[in-house]
Amino acid sequence: MARATPQLVSSVEAIFEALTCFGNNNFAVTDDLFLAVGAGCFPVGASLNHCCRPNCLLAYELLPGHLPVQAVRVMEPVLAGEEL
């Protein structure tokens, strides 16, 4: 019976690129008290613009046995088409 073997990263450059992407796009995963419990890479959250007067915050849904889910929570009414 053939065994599946994990694919190895092909080069040092690929490892460096992955670590650079994570370093520039990771988020502290926080619990309900906003205490950091880990880190994760969330492409949708990383694509949000930010400003000095935010109208939303990022929260995390943490369920045992599941990967964290990043959720955008608005802090004030937001009009259709308004930037988050």
PDB file of N, CA and C in Angstrom:
ATOM      1  N   MET A   1       0.849  -1.171   0.000  1.00  0.00           N
ATOM      2  CA  MET A   1       0.000   0.000   0.000  1.00  0.00           C
ATOM      3  C   MET A   1       0.897   1.237   0.000  1.00  0.00           C
ATOM      4  N   ALA A   2       0.616   2.161  -0.902  1.00  0.00           N
ATOM      5  CA  ALA A   2       1.409   3.384  -1.010  1.00  0.00           C
ATOM      6  C   ALA A   2       1.046   4.334   0.115  1.00  0.00           C
ATOM      7  N   ARG A   3       2.058   4.969   0.644  1.00  0.00           N
ATOM      8  CA  ARG A   3       1.842   5.948   1.705  1.00  0.00           C
ATOM      9  C   ARG A   3       1.931   7.351   1.126  1.00  0.00           C
ATOM     10  N   ALA A   4       1.059   8.211   1.600  1.00  0.00           N
ATOM     11  CA  ALA A   4       1.130   9.611   1.193  1.00  0.00           C
ATOM     12  C   ALA A   4       2.252  10.270   1.981  1.00  0.00           C
ATOM     13  N   THR A   5       3.096  10.991   1.284  1.00  0.00           N
ATOM     14  CA  THR A   5       4.170  11.706   1.963  1.00  0.00           C
ATOM     15  C   THR A   5       3.891  13.197   1.907  1.00  0.00           C
ATOM     16  N   PRO A   6       4.202  13.911   2.962  1.00  0.00           N
ATOM     17  CA  PRO A   6       3.966  15.350   2.940  1.00  0.00           C
ATOM     18  C   PRO A   6       4.835  16.013   1.873  1.00  0.00           C
ATOM     19  N   GLN A   7       4.275  17.030   1.241  1.00  0.00           N
ATOM     20  CA  GLN A   7       5.063  17.763   0.256  1.00  0.00           C
ATOM     21  C   GLN A   7       5.996  18.707   0.992  1.00  0.00           C
ATOM     22  N   LEU A   8       7.239  18.710   0.554  1.00  0.00           N
ATOM     23  CA  LEU A   8       8.218  19.590   1.154  1.00  0.00           C
ATOM     24  C   LEU A   8       8.251  20.910   0.400  1.00  0.00           C
ATOM     25  N   VAL A   9       8.558  21.959   1.108  1.00  0.00           N
ATOM     26  CA  VAL A   9       8.699  23.258   0.466  1.00  0.00           C
ATOM     27  C   VAL A   9       9.905  23.169  -0.456  1.00  0.00           C
ATOM     28  N   SER A  10       9.735  23.720  -1.659  1.00  0.00           N
ATOM     29  CA  SER A  10      10.740  23.524  -2.692  1.00  0.00           C
ATOM     30  C   SER A  10      12.004  24.339  -2.519  1.00  0.00           C
ATOM     31  N   SER A  11      11.947  25.429  -1.763  1.00  0.00           N
ATOM     32  CA  SER A  11      13.140  26.246  -1.683  1.00  0.00           C
ATOM     33  C   SER A  11      13.125  27.137  -0.449  1.00  0.00           C
ATOM     34  N   VAL A  12      14.289  27.644  -0.143  1.00  0.00           N
ATOM     35  CA  VAL A  12      14.420  28.600   0.953  1.00  0.00           C
ATOM     36  C   VAL A  12      13.627  29.860   0.623  1.00  0.00           C
ATOM     37  N   GLU A  13      13.591  30.241  -0.663  1.00  0.00           N
ATOM     38  CA  GLU A  13      12.848  31.425  -1.074  1.00  0.00           C
ATOM     39  C   GLU A  13      11.359  31.274  -0.771  1.00  0.00           C
ATOM     40  N   ALA A  14      10.814  30.089  -0.996  1.00  0.00           N
ATOM     41  CA  ALA A  14       9.394  29.847  -0.726  1.00  0.00           C
ATOM     42  C   ALA A  14       9.105  29.946   0.771  1.00  0.00           C
ATOM     43  N   ILE A  15      10.006  29.437   1.586  1.00  0.00           N
ATOM     44  CA  ILE A  15       9.847  29.532   3.043  1.00  0.00           C
ATOM     45  C   ILE A  15       9.897  30.996   3.469  1.00  0.00           C
ATOM     46  N   PHE A  16      10.861  31.728   2.931  1.00  0.00           N
ATOM     47  CA  PHE A  16      11.001  33.145   3.263  1.00  0.00           C
ATOM     48  C   PHE A  16       9.752  33.916   2.859  1.00  0.00           C
ATOM     49  N   GLU A  17       9.221  33.644   1.668  1.00  0.00           N
ATOM     50  CA  GLU A  17       8.019  34.330   1.200  1.00  0.00           C
ATOM     51  C   GLU A  17       6.833  34.050   2.121  1.00  0.00           C
ATOM     52  N   ALA A  18       6.659  32.793   2.523  1.00  0.00           N
ATOM     53  CA  ALA A  18       5.555  32.437   3.409  1.00  0.00           C
ATOM     54  C   ALA A  18       5.681  33.149   4.754  1.00  0.00           C
ATOM     55  N   LEU A  19       6.879  33.179   5.311  1.00  0.00           N
ATOM     56  CA  LEU A  19       7.087  33.844   6.595  1.00  0.00           C
ATOM     57  C   LEU A  19       6.895  35.355   6.483  1.00  0.00           C
ATOM     58  N   THR A  20       7.317  35.934   5.368  1.00  0.00           N
ATOM     59  CA  THR A  20       7.132  37.372   5.153  1.00  0.00           C
ATOM     60  C   THR A  20       5.650  37.707   5.055  1.00  0.00           C
ATOM     61  N   CYS A  21       4.898  36.902   4.297  1.00  0.00           N
ATOM     62  CA  CYS A  21       3.451  37.133   4.184  1.00  0.00           C
ATOM     63  C   CYS A  21       2.786  37.039   5.549  1.00  0.00           C
ATOM     64  N   PHE A  22       3.168  36.045   6.332  1.00  0.00           N
ATOM     65  CA  PHE A  22       2.566  35.896   7.654  1.00  0.00           C
ATOM     66  C   PHE A  22       2.925  37.087   8.534  1.00  0.00           C
ATOM     67  N   GLY A  23       4.179  37.496   8.502  1.00  0.00           N
ATOM     68  CA  GLY A  23       4.619  38.606   9.331  1.00  0.00           C
ATOM     69  C   GLY A  23       3.917  39.913   9.006  1.00  0.00           C
ATOM     70  N   ASN A  24       3.563  40.100   7.750  1.00  0.00           N
ATOM     71  CA  ASN A  24       2.912  41.346   7.336  1.00  0.00           C
ATOM     72  C   ASN A  24       1.401  41.292   7.398  1.00  0.00           C
ATOM     73  N   ASN A  25       0.819  40.113   7.523  1.00  0.00           N
ATOM     74  CA  ASN A  25      -0.636  39.983   7.454  1.00  0.00           C
ATOM     75  C   ASN A  25      -1.239  39.205   8.615  1.00  0.00           C
ATOM     76  N   ASN A  26      -0.484  38.985   9.673  1.00  0.00           N
ATOM     77  CA  ASN A  26      -1.061  38.199  10.768  1.00  0.00           C
ATOM     78  C   ASN A  26      -1.822  39.088  11.730  1.00  0.00           C
ATOM     79  N   PHE A  27      -2.665  38.471  12.484  1.00  0.00           N
ATOM     80  CA  PHE A  27      -3.471  39.143  13.492  1.00  0.00           C
ATOM     81  C   PHE A  27      -3.303  38.400  14.807  1.00  0.00           C
ATOM     82  N   ALA A  28      -3.323  39.143  15.889  1.00  0.00           N
ATOM     83  CA  ALA A  28      -3.390  38.499  17.195  1.00  0.00           C
ATOM     84  C   ALA A  28      -4.818  37.991  17.357  1.00  0.00           C
ATOM     85  N   VAL A  29      -4.983  36.713  17.559  1.00  0.00           N
ATOM     86  CA  VAL A  29      -6.305  36.139  17.817  1.00  0.00           C
ATOM     87  C   VAL A  29      -6.581  36.366  19.294  1.00  0.00           C
ATOM     88  N   THR A  30      -7.698  37.026  19.581  1.00  0.00           N
ATOM     89  CA  THR A  30      -8.004  37.401  20.960  1.00  0.00           C
ATOM     90  C   THR A  30      -9.269  36.713  21.456  1.00  0.00           C
ATOM     91  N   ASP A  31      -9.345  36.587  22.769  1.00  0.00           N
ATOM     92  CA  ASP A  31     -10.542  36.003  23.375  1.00  0.00           C
ATOM     93  C   ASP A  31     -11.564  37.113  23.638  1.00  0.00           C
ATOM     94  N   ASP A  32     -12.606  36.797  24.402  1.00  0.00           N
ATOM     95  CA  ASP A  32     -13.672  37.775  24.677  1.00  0.00           C
ATOM     96  C   ASP A  32     -13.195  38.990  25.464  1.00  0.00           C
ATOM     97  N   LEU A  33     -12.073  38.855  26.154  1.00  0.00           N
ATOM     98  CA  LEU A  33     -11.512  39.975  26.912  1.00  0.00           C
ATOM     99  C   LEU A  33     -10.424  40.700  26.115  1.00  0.00           C
ATOM    100  N   PHE A  34     -10.290  40.357  24.844  1.00  0.00           N
ATOM    101  CA  PHE A  34      -9.284  40.910  23.945  1.00  0.00           C
ATOM    102  C   PHE A  34      -7.863  40.629  24.415  1.00  0.00           C
ATOM    103  N   LEU A  35      -7.687  39.470  25.044  1.00  0.00           N
ATOM    104  CA  LEU A  35      -6.356  39.000  25.399  1.00  0.00           C
ATOM    105  C   LEU A  35      -5.873  38.081  24.288  1.00  0.00           C
ATOM    106  N   ALA A  36      -4.644  38.271  23.839  1.00  0.00           N
ATOM    107  CA  ALA A  36      -4.106  37.456  22.752  1.00  0.00           C
ATOM    108  C   ALA A  36      -3.964  36.002  23.194  1.00  0.00           C
ATOM    109  N   VAL A  37      -4.512  35.100  22.379  1.00  0.00           N
ATOM    110  CA  VAL A  37      -4.408  33.666  22.657  1.00  0.00           C
ATOM    111  C   VAL A  37      -3.702  32.933  21.519  1.00  0.00           C
ATOM    112  N   GLY A  38      -3.301  33.658  20.494  1.00  0.00           N
ATOM    113  CA  GLY A  38      -2.615  33.057  19.356  1.00  0.00           C
ATOM    114  C   GLY A  38      -2.468  34.069  18.237  1.00  0.00           C
ATOM    115  N   ALA A  39      -2.057  33.585  17.077  1.00  0.00           N
ATOM    116  CA  ALA A  39      -1.906  34.435  15.897  1.00  0.00           C
ATOM    117  C   ALA A  39      -2.433  33.675  14.693  1.00  0.00           C
ATOM    118  N   GLY A  40      -2.920  34.410  13.724  1.00  0.00           N
ATOM    119  CA  GLY A  40      -3.439  33.773  12.515  1.00  0.00           C
ATOM    120  C   GLY A  40      -3.346  34.714  11.335  1.00  0.00           C
ATOM    121  N   CYS A  41      -3.446  34.151  10.163  1.00  0.00           N
ATOM    122  CA  CYS A  41      -3.417  34.923   8.927  1.00  0.00           C
ATOM    123  C   CYS A  41      -4.831  34.879   8.339  1.00  0.00           C
ATOM    124  N   PHE A  42      -5.455  36.040   8.198  1.00  0.00           N
ATOM    125  CA  PHE A  42      -6.823  36.157   7.723  1.00  0.00           C
ATOM    126  C   PHE A  42      -6.830  37.104   6.523  1.00  0.00           C
ATOM    127  N   PRO A  43      -6.778  36.574   5.296  1.00  0.00           N
ATOM    128  CA  PRO A  43      -6.662  37.416   4.103  1.00  0.00           C
ATOM    129  C   PRO A  43      -7.762  38.466   3.952  1.00  0.00           C
ATOM    130  N   VAL A  44      -9.002  38.139   4.290  1.00  0.00           N
ATOM    131  CA  VAL A  44     -10.080  39.119   4.138  1.00  0.00           C
ATOM    132  C   VAL A  44      -9.882  40.274   5.116  1.00  0.00           C
ATOM    133  N   GLY A  45      -9.579  39.960   6.359  1.00  0.00           N
ATOM    134  CA  GLY A  45      -9.328  41.003   7.343  1.00  0.00           C
ATOM    135  C   GLY A  45      -8.124  41.850   6.976  1.00  0.00           C
ATOM    136  N   ALA A  46      -7.104  41.229   6.394  1.00  0.00           N
ATOM    137  CA  ALA A  46      -5.912  41.973   5.991  1.00  0.00           C
ATOM    138  C   ALA A  46      -6.203  42.925   4.844  1.00  0.00           C
ATOM    139  N   SER A  47      -7.255  42.661   4.076  1.00  0.00           N
ATOM    140  CA  SER A  47      -7.558  43.516   2.930  1.00  0.00           C
ATOM    141  C   SER A  47      -8.401  44.732   3.308  1.00  0.00           C
ATOM    142  N   LEU A  48      -8.891  44.798   4.547  1.00  0.00           N
ATOM    143  CA  LEU A  48      -9.674  45.959   4.977  1.00  0.00           C
ATOM    144  C   LEU A  48      -8.773  47.171   5.152  1.00  0.00           C
ATOM    145  N   ASN A  49      -9.247  48.316   4.704  1.00  0.00           N
ATOM    146  CA  ASN A  49      -8.541  49.563   4.967  1.00  0.00           C
ATOM    147  C   ASN A  49      -8.747  49.921   6.428  1.00  0.00           C
ATOM    148  N   HIS A  50      -7.918  50.805   6.927  1.00  0.00           N
ATOM    149  CA  HIS A  50      -8.099  51.257   8.297  1.00  0.00           C
ATOM    150  C   HIS A  50      -7.966  52.769   8.345  1.00  0.00           C
ATOM    151  N   CYS A  51      -8.506  53.356   9.392  1.00  0.00           N
ATOM    152  CA  CYS A  51      -8.402  54.801   9.556  1.00  0.00           C
ATOM    153  C   CYS A  51      -8.172  55.115  11.027  1.00  0.00           C
ATOM    154  N   CYS A  52      -7.969  56.384  11.312  1.00  0.00           N
ATOM    155  CA  CYS A  52      -7.715  56.814  12.691  1.00  0.00           C
ATOM    156  C   CYS A  52      -8.993  56.852  13.529  1.00  0.00           C
ATOM    157  N   ARG A  53     -10.153  56.817  12.874  1.00  0.00           N
ATOM    158  CA  ARG A  53     -11.441  56.787  13.568  1.00  0.00           C
ATOM    159  C   ARG A  53     -12.233  55.588  13.048  1.00  0.00           C
ATOM    160  N   PRO A  54     -11.895  54.394  13.516  1.00  0.00           N
ATOM    161  CA  PRO A  54     -12.541  53.192  12.986  1.00  0.00           C
ATOM    162  C   PRO A  54     -14.009  53.100  13.372  1.00  0.00           C
ATOM    163  N   ASN A  55     -14.796  52.453  12.509  1.00  0.00           N
ATOM    164  CA  ASN A  55     -16.214  52.231  12.798  1.00  0.00           C
ATOM    165  C   ASN A  55     -16.500  50.751  13.057  1.00  0.00           C
ATOM    166  N   CYS A  56     -15.437  49.941  13.075  1.00  0.00           N
ATOM    167  CA  CYS A  56     -15.613  48.514  13.337  1.00  0.00           C
ATOM    168  C   CYS A  56     -14.366  47.980  14.049  1.00  0.00           C
ATOM    169  N   LEU A  57     -14.493  46.768  14.540  1.00  0.00           N
ATOM    170  CA  LEU A  57     -13.353  46.087  15.147  1.00  0.00           C
ATOM    171  C   LEU A  57     -13.375  44.639  14.721  1.00  0.00           C
ATOM    172  N   LEU A  58     -12.247  43.992  14.879  1.00  0.00           N
ATOM    173  CA  LEU A  58     -12.151  42.575  14.537  1.00  0.00           C
ATOM    174  C   LEU A  58     -12.275  41.758  15.806  1.00  0.00           C
ATOM    175  N   ALA A  59     -13.122  40.762  15.766  1.00  0.00           N
ATOM    176  CA  ALA A  59     -13.316  39.848  16.892  1.00  0.00           C
ATOM    177  C   ALA A  59     -13.108  38.430  16.367  1.00  0.00           C
ATOM    178  N   TYR A  60     -12.996  37.482  17.270  1.00  0.00           N
ATOM    179  CA  TYR A  60     -12.725  36.100  16.879  1.00  0.00           C
ATOM    180  C   TYR A  60     -13.701  35.161  17.556  1.00  0.00           C
ATOM    181  N   GLU A  61     -14.234  34.249  16.766  1.00  0.00           N
ATOM    182  CA  GLU A  61     -15.115  33.221  17.296  1.00  0.00           C
ATOM    183  C   GLU A  61     -14.246  31.998  17.539  1.00  0.00           C
ATOM    184  N   LEU A  62     -14.122  31.630  18.804  1.00  0.00           N
ATOM    185  CA  LEU A  62     -13.254  30.530  19.207  1.00  0.00           C
ATOM    186  C   LEU A  62     -14.098  29.376  19.723  1.00  0.00           C
ATOM    187  N   LEU A  63     -14.083  28.272  18.999  1.00  0.00           N
ATOM    188  CA  LEU A  63     -14.813  27.078  19.409  1.00  0.00           C
ATOM    189  C   LEU A  63     -13.835  25.923  19.531  1.00  0.00           C
ATOM    190  N   PRO A  64     -13.903  25.152  20.612  1.00  0.00           N
ATOM    191  CA  PRO A  64     -12.987  24.029  20.778  1.00  0.00           C
ATOM    192  C   PRO A  64     -13.045  23.085  19.571  1.00  0.00           C
ATOM    193  N   GLY A  65     -11.879  22.709  19.073  1.00  0.00           N
ATOM    194  CA  GLY A  65     -11.809  21.771  17.955  1.00  0.00           C
ATOM    195  C   GLY A  65     -11.985  22.405  16.588  1.00  0.00           C
ATOM    196  N   HIS A  66     -12.153  23.735  16.508  1.00  0.00           N
ATOM    197  CA  HIS A  66     -12.337  24.431  15.239  1.00  0.00           C
ATOM    198  C   HIS A  66     -11.292  25.527  15.095  1.00  0.00           C
ATOM    199  N   LEU A  67     -10.992  25.879  13.861  1.00  0.00           N
ATOM    200  CA  LEU A  67     -10.096  26.999  13.614  1.00  0.00           C
ATOM    201  C   LEU A  67     -10.795  28.297  14.003  1.00  0.00           C
ATOM    202  N   PRO A  68     -10.036  29.301  14.463  1.00  0.00           N
ATOM    203  CA  PRO A  68     -10.663  30.583  14.793  1.00  0.00           C
ATOM    204  C   PRO A  68     -11.294  31.215  13.556  1.00  0.00           C
ATOM    205  N   VAL A  69     -12.407  31.900  13.757  1.00  0.00           N
ATOM    206  CA  VAL A  69     -13.088  32.624  12.685  1.00  0.00           C
ATOM    207  C   VAL A  69     -12.986  34.109  13.013  1.00  0.00           C
ATOM    208  N   GLN A  70     -12.504  34.897  12.056  1.00  0.00           N
ATOM    209  CA  GLN A  70     -12.410  36.339  12.249  1.00  0.00           C
ATOM    210  C   GLN A  70     -13.743  36.968  11.846  1.00  0.00           C
ATOM    211  N   ALA A  71     -14.274  37.833  12.707  1.00  0.00           N
ATOM    212  CA  ALA A  71     -15.544  38.500  12.435  1.00  0.00           C
ATOM    213  C   ALA A  71     -15.352  40.009  12.540  1.00  0.00           C
ATOM    214  N   VAL A  72     -15.977  40.747  11.635  1.00  0.00           N
ATOM    215  CA  VAL A  72     -15.950  42.208  11.682  1.00  0.00           C
ATOM    216  C   VAL A  72     -17.200  42.648  12.429  1.00  0.00           C
ATOM    217  N   ARG A  73     -17.023  43.394  13.496  1.00  0.00           N
ATOM    218  CA  ARG A  73     -18.142  43.891  14.297  1.00  0.00           C
ATOM    219  C   ARG A  73     -18.171  45.415  14.186  1.00  0.00           C
ATOM    220  N   VAL A  74     -19.302  45.955  13.733  1.00  0.00           N
ATOM    221  CA  VAL A  74     -19.406  47.412  13.626  1.00  0.00           C
ATOM    222  C   VAL A  74     -19.688  47.998  15.004  1.00  0.00           C
ATOM    223  N   MET A  75     -19.162  49.201  15.244  1.00  0.00           N
ATOM    224  CA  MET A  75     -19.321  49.869  16.530  1.00  0.00           C
ATOM    225  C   MET A  75     -20.315  51.018  16.470  1.00  0.00           C
ATOM    226  N   GLU A  76     -20.809  51.303  15.265  1.00  0.00           N
ATOM    227  CA  GLU A  76     -21.770  52.371  15.067  1.00  0.00           C
ATOM    228  C   GLU A  76     -22.530  52.069  13.774  1.00  0.00           C
ATOM    229  N   PRO A  77     -23.648  52.716  13.541  1.00  0.00           N
ATOM    230  CA  PRO A  77     -24.367  52.465  12.283  1.00  0.00           C
ATOM    231  C   PRO A  77     -23.466  52.756  11.062  1.00  0.00           C
ATOM    232  N   VAL A  78     -23.551  51.874  10.071  1.00  0.00           N
ATOM    233  CA  VAL A  78     -22.747  52.019   8.862  1.00  0.00           C
ATOM    234  C   VAL A  78     -23.713  52.063   7.673  1.00  0.00           C
ATOM    235  N   LEU A  79     -23.568  53.085   6.850  1.00  0.00           N
ATOM    236  CA  LEU A  79     -24.427  53.213   5.667  1.00  0.00           C
ATOM    237  C   LEU A  79     -23.953  52.291   4.554  1.00  0.00           C
ATOM    238  N   ALA A  80     -24.873  51.867   3.696  1.00  0.00           N
ATOM    239  CA  ALA A  80     -24.519  51.040   2.549  1.00  0.00           C
ATOM    240  C   ALA A  80     -23.476  51.770   1.707  1.00  0.00           C
ATOM    241  N   GLY A  81     -22.410  51.079   1.364  1.00  0.00           N
ATOM    242  CA  GLY A  81     -21.347  51.658   0.562  1.00  0.00           C
ATOM    243  C   GLY A  81     -20.286  52.377   1.374  1.00  0.00           C
ATOM    244  N   GLU A  82     -20.500  52.572   2.676  1.00  0.00           N
ATOM    245  CA  GLU A  82     -19.516  53.238   3.521  1.00  0.00           C
ATOM    246  C   GLU A  82     -18.358  52.292   3.810  1.00  0.00           C
ATOM    247  N   GLU A  83     -17.155  52.826   3.813  1.00  0.00           N
ATOM    248  CA  GLU A  83     -15.978  52.006   4.066  1.00  0.00           C
ATOM    249  C   GLU A  83     -15.945  51.544   5.515  1.00  0.00           C
ATOM    250  N   LEU A  84     -15.547  50.296   5.715  1.00  0.00           N
ATOM    251  CA  LEU A  84     -15.402  49.774   7.068  1.00  0.00           C
ATOM    252  C   LEU A  84     -13.998  50.062   7.562  1.00  0.00           C
TER     253      LEU A  84
END
